[in-house]
C-alpha atoms as a PDB file:
ATOM      1  CA  ILE A   1     123.732 112.586 144.623  1.00  0.00           C
ATOM      2  CA  ALA A   2     124.035 109.214 146.362  1.00  0.00           C
ATOM      3  CA  LEU A   3     121.968 106.505 144.704  1.00  0.00           C
ATOM      4  CA  PHE A   4     121.213 103.269 146.567  1.00  0.00           C
ATOM      5  CA  PRO A   5     120.651 100.627 143.891  1.00  0.00           C
ATOM      6  CA  CYS A   6     117.255  99.019 143.618  1.00  0.00           C
ATOM      7  CA  HIS A   7     116.718  96.121 141.251  1.00  0.00           C
ATOM      8  CA  ASN A   8     113.070  95.165 141.408  1.00  0.00           C
ATOM      9  CA  PHE A   9     110.111  97.512 141.164  1.00  0.00           C
ATOM     10  CA  SER A  10     108.130  95.233 143.485  1.00  0.00           C
ATOM     11  CA  ILE A  11     110.269  96.308 146.452  1.00  0.00           C
ATOM     12  CA  ILE A  12     109.625 100.005 145.845  1.00  0.00           C
ATOM     13  CA  LYS A  13     106.938 101.005 148.291  1.00  0.00           C
ATOM     14  CA  ARG A  14     106.414 104.471 146.885  1.00  0.00           C
ATOM     15  CA  SER A  15     106.249 105.891 143.388  1.00  0.00           C
ATOM     16  CA  SER A  16     108.046 109.097 142.492  1.00  0.00           C
ATOM     17  CA  LYS A  17     110.112 110.658 139.749  1.00  0.00           C
ATOM     18  CA  LEU A  18     113.207 110.200 141.930  1.00  0.00           C
ATOM     19  CA  THR A  19     112.477 106.480 142.334  1.00  0.00           C
ATOM     20  CA  CYS A  20     112.192 106.078 138.579  1.00  0.00           C
ATOM     21  CA  LEU A  21     115.407 108.032 138.116  1.00  0.00           C
ATOM     22  CA  TYR A  22     117.576 105.873 140.346  1.00  0.00           C
ATOM     23  CA  VAL A  23     116.052 102.611 139.083  1.00  0.00           C
ATOM     24  CA  PHE A  24     116.774 103.789 135.517  1.00  0.00           C
ATOM     25  CA  ILE A  25     120.353 104.803 136.340  1.00  0.00           C
ATOM     26  CA  ASP A  26     121.053 101.623 138.296  1.00  0.00           C
ATOM     27  CA  ASN A  27     119.780  99.379 135.500  1.00  0.00           C
ATOM     28  CA  TYR A  28     121.838 101.400 133.040  1.00  0.00           C
ATOM     29  CA  LEU A  29     125.002 100.774 135.060  1.00  0.00           C
ATOM     30  CA  SER A  30     124.380  97.247 136.216  1.00  0.00           C
ATOM     31  CA  CYS A  31     123.157  94.974 133.441  1.00  0.00           C
ATOM     32  CA  PRO A  32     125.882  92.756 132.045  1.00  0.00           C
ATOM     33  CA  THR A  33     125.547  92.956 128.286  1.00  0.00           C
ATOM     34  CA  SER A  34     127.775  95.472 126.558  1.00  0.00           C
ATOM     35  CA  LYS A  35     126.024  95.622 123.193  1.00  0.00           C
ATOM     36  CA  VAL A  36     123.322  98.037 122.085  1.00  0.00           C
ATOM     37  CA  THR A  37     120.493  96.246 120.323  1.00  0.00           C
ATOM     38  CA  GLY A  38     117.196  97.812 119.412  1.00  0.00           C
ATOM     39  CA  GLY A  39     115.910  99.929 122.261  1.00  0.00           C
ATOM     40  CA  GLN A  40     118.254  98.463 124.874  1.00  0.00           C
ATOM     41  CA  LEU A  41     120.640 100.583 126.907  1.00  0.00           C
ATOM     42  CA  PRO A  42     124.424 100.393 126.487  1.00  0.00           C
ATOM     43  CA  TYR A  43     125.073  98.389 129.648  1.00  0.00           C
ATOM     44  CA  ARG A  44     128.324  98.252 131.552  1.00  0.00           C
ATOM     45  CA  ASN A  45     130.329  95.029 131.350  1.00  0.00           C
ATOM     46  CA  TRP A  46     130.673  93.420 134.783  1.00  0.00           C
ATOM     47  CA  SER A  47     133.505  91.163 133.662  1.00  0.00           C
ATOM     48  CA  GLY A  48     137.034  92.356 133.074  1.00  0.00           C
ATOM     49  CA  GLY A  49     137.690  89.403 130.788  1.00  0.00           C
ATOM     50  CA  ALA A  50     137.223  88.917 127.078  1.00  0.00           C
ATOM     51  CA  ASP A  51     133.814  89.277 125.439  1.00  0.00           C
ATOM     52  CA  VAL A  52     133.150  85.594 124.896  1.00  0.00           C
ATOM     53  CA  THR A  53     129.491  84.709 124.473  1.00  0.00           C
ATOM     54  CA  GLY A  54     129.649  81.229 122.932  1.00  0.00           C
ATOM     55  CA  GLU A  55     126.721  78.817 122.919  1.00  0.00           C
ATOM     56  CA  MET A  56     124.239  79.469 125.717  1.00  0.00           C
ATOM     57  CA  TRP A  57     124.135  75.847 126.867  1.00  0.00           C
ATOM     58  CA  PHE A  58     122.630  76.850 130.213  1.00  0.00           C
ATOM     59  CA  LEU A  59     119.273  77.636 128.618  1.00  0.00           C
ATOM     60  CA  ASP A  60     118.594  73.878 128.569  1.00  0.00           C
ATOM     61  CA  ASP A  61     120.019  72.949 131.992  1.00  0.00           C
ATOM     62  CA  GLY A  62     116.940  72.399 134.160  1.00  0.00           C
ATOM     63  CA  ASP A  63     118.829  71.779 137.399  1.00  0.00           C
ATOM     64  CA  LEU A  64     120.902  74.937 136.943  1.00  0.00           C
ATOM     65  CA  ARG A  65     117.710  76.919 136.372  1.00  0.00           C
ATOM     66  CA  ALA A  66     116.304  75.497 139.617  1.00  0.00           C
ATOM     67  CA  LEU A  67     119.426  76.596 141.501  1.00  0.00           C
ATOM     68  CA  ILE A  68     119.169  80.073 139.989  1.00  0.00           C
ATOM     69  CA  ARG A  69     115.452  80.359 140.780  1.00  0.00           C
ATOM     70  CA  GLY A  70     116.100  79.257 144.343  1.00  0.00           C
ATOM     71  CA  GLY A  71     118.903  81.785 144.679  1.00  0.00           C
ATOM     72  CA  LEU A  72     116.697  84.554 143.301  1.00  0.00           C
ATOM     73  CA  ALA A  73     113.874  83.654 145.697  1.00  0.00           C
ATOM     74  CA  ALA A  74     116.248  83.925 148.657  1.00  0.00           C
ATOM     75  CA  GLN A  75     117.801  87.087 147.214  1.00  0.00           C
ATOM     76  CA  GLY A  76     114.391  88.759 147.053  1.00  0.00           C
ATOM     77  CA  VAL A  77     113.696  88.064 150.724  1.00  0.00           C
ATOM     78  CA  VAL A  78     117.071  89.366 151.901  1.00  0.00           C
ATOM     79  CA  VAL A  79     117.079  92.489 149.709  1.00  0.00           C
ATOM     80  CA  GLN A  80     113.583  93.484 150.841  1.00  0.00           C
ATOM     81  CA  ALA A  81     114.613  93.072 154.483  1.00  0.00           C
ATOM     82  CA  LEU A  82     117.839  95.006 153.894  1.00  0.00           C
ATOM     83  CA  LEU A  83     116.076  97.931 152.238  1.00  0.00           C
ATOM     84  CA  GLY A  84     113.091  97.867 154.569  1.00  0.00           C
ATOM     85  CA  GLY A  85     115.061  98.004 157.814  1.00  0.00           C
ATOM     86  CA  VAL A  86     113.228  95.011 159.285  1.00  0.00           C
ATOM     87  CA  PRO A  87     113.812  94.601 163.062  1.00  0.00           C
ATOM     88  CA  LEU A  88     115.959  91.506 163.454  1.00  0.00           C
ATOM     89  CA  ASP A  89     115.576  88.605 165.850  1.00  0.00           C
ATOM     90  CA  ALA A  90     119.194  87.425 166.006  1.00  0.00           C
ATOM     91  CA  LYS A  91     120.360  84.298 167.790  1.00  0.00           C
ATOM     92  CA  ILE A  92     123.847  82.879 168.263  1.00  0.00           C
ATOM     93  CA  LYS A  93     124.391  79.351 166.935  1.00  0.00           C
ATOM     94  CA  PRO A  94     126.694  76.721 168.470  1.00  0.00           C
ATOM     95  CA  ASP A  95     129.530  77.802 166.143  1.00  0.00           C
ATOM     96  CA  VAL A  96     129.150  81.330 167.594  1.00  0.00           C
ATOM     97  CA  THR A  97     127.805  82.792 164.334  1.00  0.00           C
ATOM     98  CA  TYR A  98     124.466  84.541 163.953  1.00  0.00           C
ATOM     99  CA  VAL A  99     121.157  83.410 162.503  1.00  0.00           C
ATOM    100  CA  THR A 100     118.137  85.687 162.040  1.00  0.00           C
ATOM    101  CA  GLN A 101     114.557  85.224 160.943  1.00  0.00           C
ATOM    102  CA  ILE A 102     115.652  86.501 157.521  1.00  0.00           C
ATOM    103  CA  ASP A 103     118.119  83.606 157.130  1.00  0.00           C
ATOM    104  CA  LEU A 104     115.224  81.230 157.784  1.00  0.00           C
ATOM    105  CA  ALA A 105     112.761  83.095 155.544  1.00  0.00           C
ATOM    106  CA  ALA A 106     115.268  83.150 152.664  1.00  0.00           C
ATOM    107  CA  GLU A 107     115.855  79.438 153.129  1.00  0.00           C
ATOM    108  CA  ALA A 108     112.113  78.712 153.104  1.00  0.00           C
ATOM    109  CA  ALA A 109     111.586  80.789 149.953  1.00  0.00           C
ATOM    110  CA  ALA A 110     114.266  78.888 148.036  1.00  0.00           C
ATOM    111  CA  MET A 111     113.495  75.346 149.181  1.00  0.00           C
ATOM    112  CA  PRO A 112     110.572  74.569 146.807  1.00  0.00           C
ATOM    113  CA  PHE A 113     112.825  75.260 143.818  1.00  0.00           C
ATOM    114  CA  LEU A 114     115.736  73.244 145.200  1.00  0.00           C
ATOM    115  CA  THR A 115     113.813  70.214 146.456  1.00  0.00           C
ATOM    116  CA  GLY A 116     111.915  70.230 143.147  1.00  0.00           C
ATOM    117  CA  THR A 117     115.072  68.857 141.527  1.00  0.00           C
ATOM    118  CA  GLY A 118     114.616  65.597 143.422  1.00  0.00           C
ATOM    119  CA  LEU A 119     118.055  65.997 144.999  1.00  0.00           C
ATOM    120  CA  THR A 120     118.820  66.085 148.704  1.00  0.00           C
ATOM    121  CA  VAL A 121     119.510  69.627 149.903  1.00  0.00           C
ATOM    122  CA  PHE A 122     122.095  70.273 152.607  1.00  0.00           C
ATOM    123  CA  SER A 123     121.329  73.742 153.922  1.00  0.00           C
ATOM    124  CA  GLU A 124     123.195  75.728 156.554  1.00  0.00           C
ATOM    125  CA  GLU A 125     120.115  76.280 158.707  1.00  0.00           C
ATOM    126  CA  ALA A 126     117.704  73.395 157.957  1.00  0.00           C
ATOM    127  CA  GLY A 127     120.288  70.662 157.523  1.00  0.00           C
ATOM    128  CA  GLU A 128     119.277  67.788 155.227  1.00  0.00           C
ATOM    129  CA  SER A 129     115.958  67.863 153.354  1.00  0.00           C
ATOM    130  CA  GLY A 130     114.429  66.799 150.074  1.00  0.00           C
ATOM    131  CA  ALA A 131     115.056  63.252 148.844  1.00  0.00           C
ATOM    132  CA  PRO A 132     114.252  60.299 151.144  1.00  0.00           C
ATOM    133  CA  SER A 133     116.953  59.434 153.648  1.00  0.00           C
ATOM    134  CA  GLY A 134     119.292  56.759 152.324  1.00  0.00           C
ATOM    135  CA  ALA A 135     118.543  57.491 148.689  1.00  0.00           C
ATOM    136  CA  MET A 136     121.426  56.564 146.391  1.00  0.00           C
ATOM    137  CA  GLU A 137     122.135  59.912 144.802  1.00  0.00           C
ATOM    138  CA  ARG A 138     124.994  60.900 142.567  1.00  0.00           C
ATOM    139  CA  GLU A 139     124.527  64.621 143.276  1.00  0.00           C
ATOM    140  CA  VAL A 140     123.450  66.712 146.254  1.00  0.00           C
ATOM    141  CA  ILE A 141     122.707  70.420 146.675  1.00  0.00           C
ATOM    142  CA  LEU A 142     124.699  72.647 149.037  1.00  0.00           C
ATOM    143  CA  PHE A 143     122.869  75.801 150.138  1.00  0.00           C
ATOM    144  CA  ASP A 144     123.641  78.860 152.245  1.00  0.00           C
ATOM    145  CA  PRO A 145     120.558  81.123 152.256  1.00  0.00           C
ATOM    146  CA  LEU A 146     122.487  84.101 153.661  1.00  0.00           C
ATOM    147  CA  ASP A 147     126.264  84.040 153.517  1.00  0.00           C
ATOM    148  CA  GLY A 148     127.421  87.014 155.559  1.00  0.00           C
ATOM    149  CA  THR A 149     124.689  87.304 158.181  1.00  0.00           C
ATOM    150  CA  ARG A 150     126.779  89.656 160.309  1.00  0.00           C
ATOM    151  CA  ALA A 151     127.271  92.067 157.387  1.00  0.00           C
ATOM    152  CA  PHE A 152     123.528  91.888 156.688  1.00  0.00           C
ATOM    153  CA  MET A 153     122.717  92.679 160.321  1.00  0.00           C
ATOM    154  CA  GLN A 154     124.923  95.766 160.083  1.00  0.00           C
ATOM    155  CA  GLY A 155     123.089  96.976 156.972  1.00  0.00           C
ATOM    156  CA  ALA A 156     125.996  96.303 154.596  1.00  0.00           C
ATOM    157  CA  PRO A 157     124.933  95.091 151.103  1.00  0.00           C
ATOM    158  CA  THR A 158     127.760  92.565 150.881  1.00  0.00           C
ATOM    159  CA  SER A 159     125.986  89.303 151.734  1.00  0.00           C
ATOM    160  CA  THR A 160     125.264  86.598 149.172  1.00  0.00           C
ATOM    161  CA  ILE A 161     123.182  83.506 148.579  1.00  0.00           C
ATOM    162  CA  ILE A 162     125.188  80.414 147.606  1.00  0.00           C
ATOM    163  CA  VAL A 163     123.699  77.338 145.893  1.00  0.00           C
ATOM    164  CA  ALA A 164     125.774  74.529 144.420  1.00  0.00           C
ATOM    165  CA  THR A 165     125.611  70.897 143.307  1.00  0.00           C
ATOM    166  CA  TYR A 166     128.246  68.377 144.381  1.00  0.00           C
ATOM    167  CA  SER A 167     128.880  65.119 142.515  1.00  0.00           C
ATOM    168  CA  LYS A 168     129.554  62.136 144.745  1.00  0.00           C
ATOM    169  CA  ASP A 169     131.028  60.252 141.792  1.00  0.00           C
ATOM    170  CA  LEU A 170     133.407  63.002 140.684  1.00  0.00           C
ATOM    171  CA  LYS A 171     133.934  64.344 144.200  1.00  0.00           C
ATOM    172  CA  LYS A 172     133.673  67.841 142.769  1.00  0.00           C
ATOM    173  CA  VAL A 173     131.352  70.832 142.757  1.00  0.00           C
ATOM    174  CA  THR A 174     129.614  70.671 139.383  1.00  0.00           C
ATOM    175  CA  ARG A 175     127.440  73.811 139.460  1.00  0.00           C
ATOM    176  CA  CYS A 176     127.471  76.960 141.554  1.00  0.00           C
ATOM    177  CA  VAL A 177     125.225  80.025 141.774  1.00  0.00           C
ATOM    178  CA  VAL A 178     126.017  83.147 143.809  1.00  0.00           C
ATOM    179  CA  ALA A 179     123.464  85.975 144.067  1.00  0.00           C
ATOM    180  CA  ASP A 180     124.415  89.279 145.700  1.00  0.00           C
ATOM    181  CA  MET A 181     122.458  92.201 147.128  1.00  0.00           C
ATOM    182  CA  LEU A 182     122.931  94.356 144.021  1.00  0.00           C
ATOM    183  CA  GLY A 183     120.909  92.078 141.762  1.00  0.00           C
ATOM    184  CA  ARG A 184     123.878  90.280 140.206  1.00  0.00           C
ATOM    185  CA  VAL A 185     123.816  86.521 139.737  1.00  0.00           C
ATOM    186  CA  TRP A 186     126.963  84.572 138.881  1.00  0.00           C
ATOM    187  CA  PHE A 187     126.700  80.957 137.785  1.00  0.00           C
ATOM    188  CA  ALA A 188     129.069  78.276 136.565  1.00  0.00           C
ATOM    189  CA  THR A 189     128.990  74.660 135.472  1.00  0.00           C
ATOM    190  CA  LEU A 190     132.087  72.474 135.490  1.00  0.00           C
ATOM    191  CA  GLY A 191     133.819  72.743 132.132  1.00  0.00           C
ATOM    192  CA  LYS A 192     131.423  75.366 130.725  1.00  0.00           C
ATOM    193  CA  GLY A 193     132.585  78.714 132.055  1.00  0.00           C
ATOM    194  CA  THR A 194     131.329  81.327 134.491  1.00  0.00           C
ATOM    195  CA  TRP A 195     128.567  83.750 133.540  1.00  0.00           C
ATOM    196  CA  VAL A 196     126.851  86.738 135.158  1.00  0.00           C
ATOM    197  CA  PHE A 197     123.596  88.609 134.653  1.00  0.00           C
ATOM    198  CA  HIS A 198     121.727  91.363 136.424  1.00  0.00           C
ATOM    199  CA  HIS A 199     118.280  90.277 137.620  1.00  0.00           C
ATOM    200  CA  SER A 200     115.536  92.307 135.961  1.00  0.00           C
ATOM    201  CA  GLY A 201     112.566  90.175 137.033  1.00  0.00           C
ATOM    202  CA  ASN A 202     112.508  88.241 133.751  1.00  0.00           C
ATOM    203  CA  LEU A 203     114.782  85.215 134.071  1.00  0.00           C
ATOM    204  CA  GLU A 204     114.494  84.159 130.438  1.00  0.00           C
ATOM    205  CA  GLN A 205     115.601  87.581 129.264  1.00  0.00           C
ATOM    206  CA  ASP A 206     118.301  87.715 131.933  1.00  0.00           C
ATOM    207  CA  LEU A 207     119.813  84.385 130.888  1.00  0.00           C
ATOM    208  CA  ARG A 208     119.934  85.446 127.248  1.00  0.00           C
ATOM    209  CA  SER A 209     121.776  88.628 128.238  1.00  0.00           C
ATOM    210  CA  ALA A 210     124.261  86.755 130.464  1.00  0.00           C
ATOM    211  CA  ARG A 211     127.904  87.498 129.885  1.00  0.00           C
ATOM    212  CA  GLN A 212     130.881  85.210 130.314  1.00  0.00           C
ATOM    213  CA  CYS A 213     133.368  86.207 133.017  1.00  0.00           C
ATOM    214  CA  ARG A 214     137.148  86.152 132.918  1.00  0.00           C
ATOM    215  CA  VAL A 215     139.490  86.882 135.811  1.00  0.00           C
ATOM    216  CA  TRP A 216     141.488  90.110 135.776  1.00  0.00           C
ATOM    217  CA  GLU A 217     144.955  89.951 134.228  1.00  0.00           C
ATOM    218  CA  GLY A 218     147.377  91.330 136.781  1.00  0.00           C
ATOM    219  CA  GLY A 219     149.349  90.519 139.884  1.00  0.00           C
ATOM    220  CA  LEU A 220     149.918  91.426 143.510  1.00  0.00           C
ATOM    221  CA  ALA A 221     150.534  95.159 143.882  1.00  0.00           C
ATOM    222  CA  PRO A 222     149.811  97.813 146.540  1.00  0.00           C
ATOM    223  CA  LYS A 223     146.718  99.157 144.773  1.00  0.00           C
ATOM    224  CA  ASN A 224     145.287  95.739 143.911  1.00  0.00           C
ATOM    225  CA  THR A 225     143.024  93.717 146.202  1.00  0.00           C
ATOM    226  CA  VAL A 226     142.843  90.319 147.860  1.00  0.00           C
ATOM    227  CA  TYR A 227     139.560  89.536 149.648  1.00  0.00           C
ATOM    228  CA  VAL A 228     139.972  87.705 152.947  1.00  0.00           C
ATOM    229  CA  ASP A 229     137.553  85.935 155.277  1.00  0.00           C
ATOM    230  CA  TYR A 230     138.734  85.717 158.864  1.00  0.00           C
ATOM    231  CA  SER A 231     135.991  84.367 161.083  1.00  0.00           C
ATOM    232  CA  PRO A 232     137.732  83.048 164.221  1.00  0.00           C
ATOM    233  CA  THR A 233     134.762  80.917 165.268  1.00  0.00           C
ATOM    234  CA  PHE A 234     134.414  78.068 162.765  1.00  0.00           C
ATOM    235  CA  ASN A 235     135.578  74.700 164.040  1.00  0.00           C
ATOM    236  CA  LEU A 236     134.294  71.837 161.923  1.00  0.00           C
ATOM    237  CA  ASP A 237     134.910  68.264 163.025  1.00  0.00           C
ATOM    238  CA  GLY A 238     138.290  67.169 161.707  1.00  0.00           C
ATOM    239  CA  PHE A 239     139.119  70.642 160.378  1.00  0.00           C
ATOM    240  CA  PRO A 240     140.278  72.851 163.255  1.00  0.00           C
ATOM    241  CA  ALA A 241     140.087  76.600 162.751  1.00  0.00           C
ATOM    242  CA  VAL A 242     143.303  78.482 162.050  1.00  0.00           C
ATOM    243  CA  SER A 243     144.654  80.269 165.122  1.00  0.00           C
ATOM    244  CA  PHE A 244     144.061  83.986 165.590  1.00  0.00           C
ATOM    245  CA  GLU A 245     147.816  84.619 165.701  1.00  0.00           C
ATOM    246  CA  ALA A 246     148.356  82.822 162.400  1.00  0.00           C
ATOM    247  CA  LYS A 247     145.579  84.851 160.767  1.00  0.00           C
ATOM    248  CA  LEU A 248     147.080  88.138 161.937  1.00  0.00           C
ATOM    249  CA  GLY A 249     150.475  87.060 160.675  1.00  0.00           C
ATOM    250  CA  PHE A 250     149.096  86.095 157.299  1.00  0.00           C
ATOM    251  CA  MET A 251     147.210  89.380 157.026  1.00  0.00           C
ATOM    252  CA  ALA A 252     150.346  91.372 157.798  1.00  0.00           C
ATOM    253  CA  GLU A 253     152.352  89.520 155.160  1.00  0.00           C
ATOM    254  CA  VAL A 254     149.666  89.924 152.487  1.00  0.00           C
ATOM    255  CA  MET A 255     149.386  93.656 153.189  1.00  0.00           C
ATOM    256  CA  LYS A 256     153.100  94.054 152.473  1.00  0.00           C
ATOM    257  CA  CYS A 257     152.486  93.191 148.819  1.00  0.00           C
ATOM    258  CA  THR A 258     148.851  94.089 148.048  1.00  0.00           C
ATOM    259  CA  GLY A 259     145.653  95.625 149.386  1.00  0.00           C
ATOM    260  CA  VAL A 260     143.267  93.621 151.562  1.00  0.00           C
ATOM    261  CA  SER A 261     139.500  93.891 151.898  1.00  0.00           C
ATOM    262  CA  LEU A 262     137.080  91.974 154.140  1.00  0.00           C
ATOM    263  CA  LEU A 263     133.509  92.077 152.790  1.00  0.00           C
ATOM    264  CA  GLY A 264     132.053  89.453 155.112  1.00  0.00           C
ATOM    265  CA  SER A 265     130.950  86.908 152.512  1.00  0.00           C
ATOM    266  CA  ASN A 266     133.009  84.105 151.024  1.00  0.00           C
ATOM    267  CA  GLY A 267     130.515  83.923 148.181  1.00  0.00           C
ATOM    268  CA  LEU A 268     131.121  87.542 147.234  1.00  0.00           C
ATOM    269  CA  HIS A 269     134.899  87.272 147.652  1.00  0.00           C
ATOM    270  CA  HIS A 270     135.308  84.459 145.135  1.00  0.00           C
ATOM    271  CA  ALA A 271     132.561  85.742 142.820  1.00  0.00           C
ATOM    272  CA  LEU A 272     134.387  89.063 142.518  1.00  0.00           C
ATOM    273  CA  VAL A 273     137.649  87.299 141.666  1.00  0.00           C
ATOM    274  CA  ALA A 274     135.796  85.456 138.889  1.00  0.00           C
ATOM    275  CA  ASN A 275     134.055  88.675 137.855  1.00  0.00           C
ATOM    276  CA  GLY A 276     137.372  90.163 136.784  1.00  0.00           C
ATOM    277  CA  GLY A 277     137.040  93.680 138.156  1.00  0.00           C
ATOM    278  CA  HIS A 278     140.071  95.937 137.875  1.00  0.00           C
ATOM    279  CA  GLY A 279     142.724  95.109 140.448  1.00  0.00           C
ATOM    280  CA  VAL A 280     140.948  92.071 141.963  1.00  0.00           C
ATOM    281  CA  VAL A 281     143.651  89.428 142.222  1.00  0.00           C
ATOM    282  CA  GLY A 282     142.571  86.894 144.848  1.00  0.00           C
ATOM    283  CA  GLY A 283     140.287  85.595 147.558  1.00  0.00           C
ATOM    284  CA  VAL A 284     141.108  83.662 150.724  1.00  0.00           C
ATOM    285  CA  THR A 285     138.812  81.495 152.850  1.00  0.00           C
ATOM    286  CA  LYS A 286     140.927  80.531 155.837  1.00  0.00           C
ATOM    287  CA  SER A 287     138.176  78.839 157.833  1.00  0.00           C
ATOM    288  CA  LYS A 288     135.106  77.505 156.072  1.00  0.00           C
ATOM    289  CA  GLY A 289     131.867  77.348 158.022  1.00  0.00           C
ATOM    290  CA  GLY A 290     130.435  74.755 155.653  1.00  0.00           C
ATOM    291  CA  GLU A 291     131.059  73.255 152.254  1.00  0.00           C
ATOM    292  CA  TRP A 292     128.908  75.969 150.641  1.00  0.00           C
ATOM    293  CA  ASP A 293     131.453  78.595 151.714  1.00  0.00           C
ATOM    294  CA  VAL A 294     134.100  77.249 149.327  1.00  0.00           C
ATOM    295  CA  ALA A 295     131.816  76.013 146.531  1.00  0.00           C
ATOM    296  CA  PRO A 296     132.156  79.433 144.764  1.00  0.00           C
ATOM    297  CA  GLY A 297     135.726  78.437 143.987  1.00  0.00           C
ATOM    298  CA  LEU A 298     134.138  76.854 140.898  1.00  0.00           C
ATOM    299  CA  LEU A 299     133.310  80.365 139.638  1.00  0.00           C
ATOM    300  CA  VAL A 300     137.004  81.295 139.717  1.00  0.00           C
ATOM    301  CA  HIS A 301     138.092  77.989 138.188  1.00  0.00           C
ATOM    302  CA  GLU A 302     135.692  78.385 135.262  1.00  0.00           C
ATOM    303  CA  ALA A 303     136.613  82.057 134.748  1.00  0.00           C
ATOM    304  CA  GLY A 304     140.225  81.147 134.037  1.00  0.00           C
ATOM    305  CA  GLY A 305     141.517  81.583 137.574  1.00  0.00           C
ATOM    306  CA  HIS A 306     143.522  79.266 139.811  1.00  0.00           C
ATOM    307  CA  LEU A 307     142.749  77.534 143.102  1.00  0.00           C
ATOM    308  CA  ARG A 308     144.712  75.967 145.953  1.00  0.00           C
ATOM    309  CA  ALA A 309     143.077  74.124 148.839  1.00  0.00           C
ATOM    310  CA  PHE A 310     144.512  72.574 151.975  1.00  0.00           C
ATOM    311  CA  THR A 311     143.638  71.225 155.371  1.00  0.00           C
ATOM    312  CA  THR A 312     145.442  72.069 158.593  1.00  0.00           C
ATOM    313  CA  HIS A 313     144.233  68.913 160.312  1.00  0.00           C
ATOM    314  CA  GLY A 314     146.825  67.225 162.509  1.00  0.00           C
ATOM    315  CA  GLY A 315     149.213  70.163 162.671  1.00  0.00           C
ATOM    316  CA  SER A 316     150.481  69.947 159.094  1.00  0.00           C
ATOM    317  CA  ILE A 317     149.229  71.168 155.727  1.00  0.00           C
ATOM    318  CA  ARG A 318     147.993  68.677 153.190  1.00  0.00           C
ATOM    319  CA  SER A 319     146.862  69.796 149.776  1.00  0.00           C
ATOM    320  CA  ALA A 320     143.432  68.866 148.430  1.00  0.00           C
ATOM    321  CA  ASP A 321     141.366  69.132 145.279  1.00  0.00           C
ATOM    322  CA  PRO A 322     139.807  72.639 145.523  1.00  0.00           C
ATOM    323  CA  LEU A 323     136.564  71.390 143.942  1.00  0.00           C
ATOM    324  CA  ASP A 324     136.225  68.555 146.478  1.00  0.00           C
ATOM    325  CA  VAL A 325     134.755  70.873 149.091  1.00  0.00           C
ATOM    326  CA  PHE A 326     134.395  68.140 151.728  1.00  0.00           C
ATOM    327  CA  SER A 327     138.139  67.449 151.874  1.00  0.00           C
ATOM    328  CA  TYR A 328     139.600  70.676 153.289  1.00  0.00           C
ATOM    329  CA  ASN A 329     138.978  73.797 155.344  1.00  0.00           C
ATOM    330  CA  CYS A 330     141.089  76.481 153.586  1.00  0.00           C
ATOM    331  CA  LEU A 331     140.792  77.801 150.016  1.00  0.00           C
ATOM    332  CA  ILE A 332     142.837  80.321 148.055  1.00  0.00           C
ATOM    333  CA  SER A 333     141.650  81.641 144.694  1.00  0.00           C
ATOM    334  CA  GLY A 334     143.664  83.858 142.381  1.00  0.00           C
ATOM    335  CA  CYS A 335     143.649  85.449 138.961  1.00  0.00           C
ATOM    336  CA  SER A 336     146.868  83.617 138.067  1.00  0.00           C
ATOM    337  CA  GLU A 337     148.976  80.684 139.167  1.00  0.00           C
ATOM    338  CA  VAL A 338     151.685  83.097 140.345  1.00  0.00           C
ATOM    339  CA  VAL A 339     149.271  84.996 142.614  1.00  0.00           C
ATOM    340  CA  THR A 340     147.688  81.845 144.000  1.00  0.00           C
ATOM    341  CA  ARG A 341     151.021  80.191 144.709  1.00  0.00           C
ATOM    342  CA  HIS A 342     152.364  83.312 146.448  1.00  0.00           C
ATOM    343  CA  LEU A 343     149.300  83.584 148.693  1.00  0.00           C
ATOM    344  CA  LEU A 344     149.685  79.908 149.531  1.00  0.00           C
ATOM    345  CA  GLU A 345     153.349  80.427 150.378  1.00  0.00           C
ATOM    346  CA  LEU A 346     152.460  83.287 152.716  1.00  0.00           C
ATOM    347  CA  ALA A 347     149.840  81.169 154.450  1.00  0.00           C
ATOM    348  CA  THR A 348     152.135  78.186 154.870  1.00  0.00           C
ATOM    349  CA  ALA A 349     155.002  80.374 156.040  1.00  0.00           C
ATOM    350  CA  MET A 350     152.856  81.651 158.895  1.00  0.00           C
ATOM    351  CA  HIS A 351     152.307  78.054 160.036  1.00  0.00           C
ATOM    352  CA  ARG A 352     155.830  76.898 159.161  1.00  0.00           C
ATOM    353  CA  PHE A 353     154.266  74.101 157.173  1.00  0.00           C
ATOM    354  CA  ASP A 354     155.615  72.388 154.087  1.00  0.00           C
ATOM    355  CA  ALA A 355     152.692  72.402 151.621  1.00  0.00           C
ATOM    356  CA  PRO A 356     152.918  70.334 148.429  1.00  0.00           C
ATOM    357  CA  SER A 357     151.444  71.723 145.215  1.00  0.00           C
ATOM    358  CA  SER A 358     147.916  70.705 144.288  1.00  0.00           C
END
């Protein structure tokens, strides 16, 4: 029996015993807590790391809650469209990527929560909104309402919603939320770990059941996986896209030592590295489309993983702070320093660059 997961009864348009069965089974498999308390089900642990609960500091972080609520609002729009088979009105943007009416609807659904923080929001589709222009802010919000539009258009449940805050003082991403199409929500705050919950419709309950993530403990091997994003179209000012030949060369070298998967969403790639699933050893963003694409590196950093970032501007590699998402165009995340360094070496070898350590 093939069961397509459904995570919110409000998107079920019909009622039947079969519907109740697959919602029950999906919730049984998907919620993040591993303990049985009272009448709760023995849920599967999404994280491959240690069972570290610690103090739930995030219950009192109002801005983080706003990011999560915004991500959930966008997630609801995209999941309903994905399950409902909505006819799509797709247009090609100047960077030769797609935008649909669902991208815009997801963005509109999330904006009241994000602008409610009083911070300026930089969104992939709407651009700058929120705080008055010229306001002296120490933090801004970075938002991609549908990361992986092409995968979404094809009916693949691998897209994500990415929301993050960036500190102008620290020049670092300070919070990041990634919501996927299976009801999972990962979130991290700088210095306070990465956590995940499965959205049940009750955010307070979900937050209290959140589980801390740790990266998987392992290395590059044929049956392990590195997630790679290879859009050939991105070309941000000052950060030229990596050549198609270099990408193919890098892919060939990586496949000599480990498995490769392309899911179509940078958010999902790095979230899964942080999630710590068996055999997940790294994620590579070779050409960011916007700063939101690499903001999920914070999830890996806070889950005990390692990051390397660099720019290819000017024909040579220069290392950068991976959490300063405005300073580079390429990001490598890994479950260990050894994995991350090796992936970096493969990338630099393809360009014959001499990359310093970050």
